[in-house]
């Protein structure tokens, strides 16, 4: 893709995101649904940092997404009623857990790595599910809400309004995407691509493969934890389902639908998934059957995802 085409694409995407609260109502949506699209897109892009650009499949990213959610919720409810501090604690909790777990499983490959991520993720899920006195168990962690931002003598209640909160989330999303783009264009990002394409050759060249994979895993989980904090703030609620392995499967589906080897692919996949889910689930309880059928069709006929369709046309 040429520089002008890439610039036009990026401009169109950011313009669509900036105006989403105004045009999503034309599709029968609402502002909070647009916020959910952006949050889930960040979670899917976080997974794709590891899956699409490092070539490592994780089915346990929901654990760090959920740890971020519980981190912000428990901080506001039990410790300090501060939204920024809650976000920081949630991100730190998920990232620290990822650093420890990543060091334990970084030498595993393929299905063994994926199964190990599921196993560790389920440990966090059952802790949240069983620790009723603190996490609320299956009922979830409630009784807390977003707190206005206090800046010295001034108070900005940008988190109390759905529209203001959408743009707060969009700013966080933009910062995260910018960091991802910088990392992927750096020598570190090029090294990850080399590992993805041929790990043996990368190792032969003297690259510390395990260290790069561990760092990629931690960075990926950092962004997933960030997404989890925003998702909890969106709902003023955190529940064990956010930690369960099937939530990780949803992130994988979003990345594959949009295109794994593209920075923007998971955003397209997340938007499609969330909007279709919201529309179909309001009409039938079997909405996952339609999502599953759609996923199968995309994998069979468009293995590069939605964004890969245009790339294939250009190459042909």
Protein backbone atom coordinates (compact mmCIF):
# COMPACT_ATOMS: atom_id res chain seq x y z
CA UNK A 1 0.00 0.00 0.00
CA UNK A 2 1.35 3.43 -0.97
CA UNK A 3 1.98 6.20 1.54
CA UNK A 4 -0.95 8.26 0.24
CA UNK A 5 -3.32 5.30 0.42
CA UNK A 6 -2.17 4.49 3.95
CA UNK A 7 -2.62 8.13 5.02
CA UNK A 8 -6.11 8.23 3.49
CA UNK A 9 -7.04 4.99 5.27
CA UNK A 10 -5.77 6.19 8.64
CA UNK A 11 -7.54 9.54 8.25
CA UNK A 12 -10.81 7.82 7.41
CA UNK A 13 -10.54 5.51 10.43
CA UNK A 14 -9.79 8.33 12.88
CA UNK A 15 -12.56 10.47 11.39
CA UNK A 16 -15.03 7.59 11.77
CA UNK A 17 -13.97 7.07 15.39
CA UNK A 18 -14.13 10.78 16.22
CA UNK A 19 -17.68 11.06 14.88
CA UNK A 20 -18.98 7.64 15.96
CA UNK A 21 -21.32 8.92 18.73
CA UNK A 22 -23.17 10.92 16.08
CA UNK A 23 -23.50 8.38 13.27
CA UNK A 24 -23.90 5.20 15.29
CA UNK A 25 -27.46 6.24 16.17
CA UNK A 26 -28.30 5.98 12.46
CA UNK A 27 -27.48 2.28 12.75
CA UNK A 28 -29.76 1.87 15.76
CA UNK A 29 -26.88 2.08 18.23
CA UNK A 30 -26.04 4.37 21.13
CA UNK A 31 -23.03 6.13 22.57
CA UNK A 32 -22.16 3.44 25.13
CA UNK A 33 -22.14 0.87 22.32
CA UNK A 34 -19.58 2.96 20.46
CA UNK A 35 -17.48 3.10 23.62
CA UNK A 36 -17.67 -0.67 23.87
CA UNK A 37 -16.45 -0.96 20.27
CA UNK A 38 -13.37 1.13 21.05
CA UNK A 39 -12.60 -0.74 24.29
CA UNK A 40 -12.95 -4.18 22.71
CA UNK A 41 -10.89 -3.00 19.74
CA UNK A 42 -8.08 -2.08 22.12
CA UNK A 43 -8.28 -5.53 23.74
CA UNK A 44 -8.23 -7.26 20.33
CA UNK A 45 -5.31 -5.10 19.14
CA UNK A 46 -3.47 -5.98 22.35
CA UNK A 47 -3.86 -9.68 21.60
CA UNK A 48 -2.89 -9.09 17.99
CA UNK A 49 0.38 -7.51 19.09
CA UNK A 50 1.34 -10.98 20.27
CA UNK A 51 -0.60 -13.10 17.76
CA UNK A 52 -0.31 -11.15 14.52
CA UNK A 53 3.13 -9.61 14.91
CA UNK A 54 4.97 -12.18 17.04
CA UNK A 55 3.19 -15.31 15.85
CA UNK A 56 2.24 -16.59 19.31
CA UNK A 57 -1.34 -17.61 20.10
CA UNK A 58 -2.68 -16.86 23.58
CA UNK A 59 -6.05 -18.04 24.84
CA UNK A 60 -5.55 -16.45 28.23
CA UNK A 61 -5.61 -12.71 27.54
CA UNK A 62 -9.00 -12.41 29.20
CA UNK A 63 -7.20 -13.01 32.51
CA UNK A 64 -5.29 -9.73 32.20
CA UNK A 65 -8.32 -7.96 30.79
CA UNK A 66 -10.26 -9.12 33.87
CA UNK A 67 -7.43 -8.30 36.28
CA UNK A 68 -7.48 -4.75 34.95
CA UNK A 69 -11.24 -4.59 35.47
CA UNK A 70 -11.09 -5.91 39.03
CA UNK A 71 -8.07 -3.75 39.78
CA UNK A 72 -9.86 -0.49 39.02
CA UNK A 73 -13.11 -1.63 40.64
CA UNK A 74 -11.56 -2.85 43.88
CA UNK A 75 -9.34 0.23 44.15
CA UNK A 76 -12.29 2.62 43.87
CA UNK A 77 -14.53 0.55 46.15
CA UNK A 78 -12.11 -0.54 48.87
CA UNK A 79 -9.06 1.75 48.76
CA UNK A 80 -9.21 5.24 47.25
CA UNK A 81 -12.11 6.72 45.24
CA UNK A 82 -9.86 7.85 42.40
CA UNK A 83 -10.37 6.93 38.76
CA UNK A 84 -6.76 7.60 37.61
CA UNK A 85 -5.34 5.64 40.55
CA UNK A 86 -7.78 2.80 39.87
CA UNK A 87 -6.68 2.66 36.23
CA UNK A 88 -3.03 2.64 37.27
CA UNK A 89 -3.60 -0.17 39.79
CA UNK A 90 -5.58 -2.22 37.27
CA UNK A 91 -2.89 -1.87 34.60
CA UNK A 92 -0.10 -2.62 37.09
CA UNK A 93 -1.91 -5.72 38.40
CA UNK A 94 -2.44 -7.23 34.95
CA UNK A 95 1.04 -6.35 33.71
CA UNK A 96 2.78 -7.73 36.80
CA UNK A 97 0.85 -10.99 36.55
CA UNK A 98 1.79 -11.21 32.85
CA UNK A 99 5.47 -10.62 33.64
CA UNK A 100 5.51 -13.49 36.12
CA UNK A 101 3.44 -15.92 34.06
CA UNK A 102 5.23 -15.03 30.84
CA UNK A 103 8.56 -15.93 32.40
CA UNK A 104 7.18 -19.37 33.25
CA UNK A 105 5.74 -20.22 29.83
CA UNK A 106 7.93 -18.31 27.38
CA UNK A 107 9.84 -21.44 26.34
CA UNK A 108 6.66 -23.25 25.31
CA UNK A 109 5.53 -23.22 21.69
CA UNK A 110 2.36 -23.77 19.69
CA UNK A 111 -0.55 -25.52 21.35
CA UNK A 112 1.44 -25.99 24.57
CA UNK A 113 1.80 -22.23 24.98
CA UNK A 114 -1.89 -21.68 24.22
CA UNK A 115 -2.96 -24.35 26.72
CA UNK A 116 -0.68 -22.92 29.41
CA UNK A 117 -2.24 -19.47 28.97
CA UNK A 118 -5.71 -21.01 29.34
CA UNK A 119 -4.65 -22.83 32.51
CA UNK A 120 -3.26 -19.73 34.20
CA UNK A 121 -6.23 -17.69 33.05
CA UNK A 122 -8.66 -20.14 34.61
CA UNK A 123 -6.79 -19.89 37.92
CA UNK A 124 -7.61 -16.17 38.07
CA UNK A 125 -11.16 -16.88 36.96
CA UNK A 126 -11.82 -19.35 39.80
CA UNK A 127 -10.24 -17.00 42.35
CA UNK A 128 -12.63 -14.24 41.29
CA UNK A 129 -15.53 -16.69 41.16
CA UNK A 130 -14.93 -18.18 44.63
CA UNK A 131 -13.72 -15.14 46.60
CA UNK A 132 -17.26 -13.88 47.23
CA UNK A 133 -16.45 -11.60 50.16
CA UNK A 134 -14.09 -9.47 48.06
CA UNK A 135 -14.92 -9.93 44.39
CA UNK A 136 -18.65 -10.54 44.74
CA UNK A 137 -18.29 -14.01 43.23
CA UNK A 138 -20.63 -14.86 40.39
CA UNK A 139 -22.66 -11.69 41.10
CA UNK A 140 -19.68 -9.53 40.21
CA UNK A 141 -18.10 -6.51 41.83
CA UNK A 142 -20.65 -3.69 42.08
CA UNK A 143 -21.31 -0.81 44.46
CA UNK A 144 -18.77 1.54 42.85
CA UNK A 145 -18.77 4.00 39.97
CA UNK A 146 -16.57 6.30 37.92
CA UNK A 147 -15.18 9.17 39.97
CA UNK A 148 -14.77 12.71 38.55
CA UNK A 149 -11.22 13.82 37.84
CA UNK A 150 -9.86 16.25 40.45
CA UNK A 151 -7.20 18.63 39.12
CA UNK A 152 -6.20 20.85 42.02
CA UNK A 153 -9.01 23.32 42.62
CA UNK A 154 -10.87 22.14 39.53
CA UNK A 155 -13.11 19.11 39.09
CA UNK A 156 -13.78 17.68 35.64
CA UNK A 157 -16.80 15.40 35.59
CA UNK A 158 -15.94 14.10 32.12
CA UNK A 159 -16.59 10.53 33.25
CA UNK A 160 -20.19 11.02 34.31
CA UNK A 161 -21.55 11.68 30.84
CA UNK A 162 -21.63 8.94 28.18
CA UNK A 163 -20.44 11.25 25.41
CA UNK A 164 -17.60 12.69 27.50
CA UNK A 165 -16.56 9.21 28.60
CA UNK A 166 -16.49 8.05 24.98
CA UNK A 167 -13.94 10.72 24.09
CA UNK A 168 -11.95 9.94 27.23
CA UNK A 169 -11.75 6.30 26.08
CA UNK A 170 -10.93 7.41 22.53
CA UNK A 171 -7.99 9.49 23.79
CA UNK A 172 -6.70 6.49 25.77
CA UNK A 173 -7.16 4.32 22.67
CA UNK A 174 -5.27 6.81 20.50
CA UNK A 175 -2.34 6.90 22.92
CA UNK A 176 -2.17 3.09 23.05
CA UNK A 177 -2.38 2.72 19.26
CA UNK A 178 0.33 5.34 18.84
CA UNK A 179 2.62 3.44 21.21
CA UNK A 180 1.91 0.16 19.39
CA UNK A 181 2.68 1.74 16.02
CA UNK A 182 5.97 3.19 17.30
CA UNK A 183 6.99 -0.15 18.80
CA UNK A 184 6.15 -2.10 15.65
CA UNK A 185 8.15 0.30 13.47
CA UNK A 186 11.14 0.17 15.81
CA UNK A 187 14.00 -2.38 15.63
CA UNK A 188 12.21 -4.26 18.40
CA UNK A 189 9.09 -4.57 16.24
CA UNK A 190 11.13 -5.70 13.24
CA UNK A 191 12.70 -8.36 15.44
CA UNK A 192 9.25 -9.61 16.42
CA UNK A 193 8.34 -9.92 12.74
CA UNK A 194 11.54 -11.87 12.11
CA UNK A 195 10.65 -14.26 14.93
CA UNK A 196 7.16 -14.65 13.52
CA UNK A 197 8.41 -15.46 10.04
CA UNK A 198 11.20 -17.85 11.00
CA UNK A 199 12.12 -18.40 14.63
CA UNK A 200 14.99 -20.77 13.83
CA UNK A 201 16.62 -18.29 11.49
CA UNK A 202 16.17 -15.48 14.03
CA UNK A 203 17.82 -17.63 16.68
CA UNK A 204 20.63 -18.50 14.26
CA UNK A 205 21.27 -14.77 13.77
CA UNK A 206 21.86 -14.47 17.51
CA UNK A 207 18.59 -12.80 18.47
CA UNK A 208 17.44 -13.46 22.07
CA UNK A 209 14.14 -15.02 21.01
CA UNK A 210 12.80 -15.87 24.48
CA UNK A 211 13.47 -12.36 25.81
CA UNK A 212 11.70 -10.75 22.87
CA UNK A 213 8.74 -13.09 23.15
CA UNK A 214 8.47 -12.45 26.89
CA UNK A 215 8.57 -8.69 26.35
CA UNK A 216 6.00 -8.93 23.56
CA UNK A 217 3.73 -10.94 25.88
CA UNK A 218 4.07 -8.39 28.70
CA UNK A 219 3.43 -5.42 26.39
CA UNK A 220 0.42 -7.17 24.90
CA UNK A 221 -1.01 -7.86 28.36
CA UNK A 222 -0.32 -4.27 29.41
CA UNK A 223 -2.68 -3.03 26.71
CA UNK A 224 -5.20 -5.79 27.50
CA UNK A 225 -5.19 -4.70 31.16
CA UNK A 226 -5.71 -1.09 30.09
CA UNK A 227 -8.70 -2.18 28.01
CA UNK A 228 -10.05 -4.09 31.02
CA UNK A 229 -9.94 -1.00 33.23
CA UNK A 230 -11.84 1.02 30.63
CA UNK A 231 -14.41 -1.75 30.20
CA UNK A 232 -15.05 -1.85 33.97
CA UNK A 233 -15.39 1.94 34.06
CA UNK A 234 -17.83 1.80 31.15
CA UNK A 235 -20.12 -0.58 33.03
CA UNK A 236 -19.26 0.46 36.62
CA UNK A 237 -19.02 -3.28 37.14
CA UNK A 238 -16.60 -6.21 36.96
CA UNK A 239 -17.52 -9.90 36.86
CA UNK A 240 -15.67 -13.23 36.53
CA UNK A 241 -16.82 -13.71 32.95
CA UNK A 242 -14.27 -11.09 31.91
CA UNK A 243 -11.52 -13.49 33.04
CA UNK A 244 -12.88 -16.66 31.45
CA UNK A 245 -11.21 -18.41 28.53
CA UNK A 246 -14.12 -17.88 26.14
CA UNK A 247 -13.63 -14.12 26.45
CA UNK A 248 -10.09 -14.70 25.16
CA UNK A 249 -11.67 -16.60 22.27
CA UNK A 250 -13.74 -13.52 21.46
CA UNK A 251 -10.55 -11.45 21.20
CA UNK A 252 -9.07 -14.03 18.84
CA UNK A 253 -12.22 -14.00 16.70
CA UNK A 254 -12.08 -10.20 16.46
CA UNK A 255 -8.44 -10.26 15.38
CA UNK A 256 -9.04 -12.97 12.76
CA UNK A 257 -12.19 -11.32 11.40
CA UNK A 258 -10.45 -8.02 10.76
CA UNK A 259 -7.02 -9.33 9.77
CA UNK A 260 -4.27 -10.50 12.12
CA UNK A 261 -1.28 -9.04 10.30
CA UNK A 262 -2.68 -5.52 10.16
CA UNK A 263 -2.59 -2.89 12.90
CA UNK A 264 -6.17 -1.86 12.15
CA UNK A 265 -7.56 -5.33 11.47
CA UNK A 266 -8.67 -6.05 15.05
CA UNK A 267 -10.47 -2.68 15.18
CA UNK A 268 -12.52 -3.62 12.12
CA UNK A 269 -13.17 -7.09 13.55
CA UNK A 270 -14.17 -5.70 16.95
CA UNK A 271 -16.56 -3.17 15.43
CA UNK A 272 -18.16 -5.84 13.27
CA UNK A 273 -18.42 -8.33 16.15
CA UNK A 274 -19.85 -5.88 18.71
CA UNK A 275 -22.39 -4.33 16.32
CA UNK A 276 -23.57 -7.70 14.99
CA UNK A 277 -23.73 -9.11 18.52
CA UNK A 278 -25.82 -6.18 19.74
CA UNK A 279 -28.21 -6.44 16.79
CA UNK A 280 -28.67 -10.23 16.75
CA UNK A 281 -28.72 -10.78 20.53
CA UNK A 282 -31.71 -8.44 20.81
CA UNK A 283 -33.64 -10.79 18.51
CA UNK A 284 -32.48 -14.28 19.48
CA UNK A 285 -30.62 -16.01 22.29
CA UNK A 286 -28.68 -18.09 19.76
CA UNK A 287 -26.65 -15.15 18.49
CA UNK A 288 -23.36 -17.02 18.98
CA UNK A 289 -24.43 -19.49 16.29
CA UNK A 290 -24.54 -16.66 13.75
CA UNK A 291 -21.18 -15.31 14.93
CA UNK A 292 -19.66 -18.79 14.67
CA UNK A 293 -21.01 -19.30 11.15
CA UNK A 294 -19.68 -15.90 10.11
CA UNK A 295 -16.28 -16.73 11.60
CA UNK A 296 -16.11 -20.01 9.68
CA UNK A 297 -16.99 -18.28 6.40
CA UNK A 298 -14.31 -15.63 6.92
CA UNK A 299 -11.65 -18.22 7.76
CA UNK A 300 -12.57 -20.34 4.71
CA UNK A 301 -12.91 -17.60 2.09
CA UNK A 302 -10.96 -14.62 3.51
CA UNK A 303 -8.12 -16.07 5.62
CA UNK A 304 -6.42 -12.67 5.74
CA UNK A 305 -9.51 -11.09 7.30
CA UNK A 306 -11.61 -8.16 6.11
CA UNK A 307 -8.64 -5.83 5.56
CA UNK A 308 -6.85 -8.61 3.70
CA UNK A 309 -9.51 -8.62 0.98
CA UNK A 310 -8.28 -5.35 -0.47
CA UNK A 311 -4.66 -6.45 -0.21
CA UNK A 312 -5.43 -9.62 -2.14
CA UNK A 313 -7.19 -7.61 -4.86
CA UNK A 314 -4.23 -5.27 -5.20
CA UNK A 315 -1.79 -8.18 -5.52
CA UNK A 316 -3.94 -9.91 -8.13
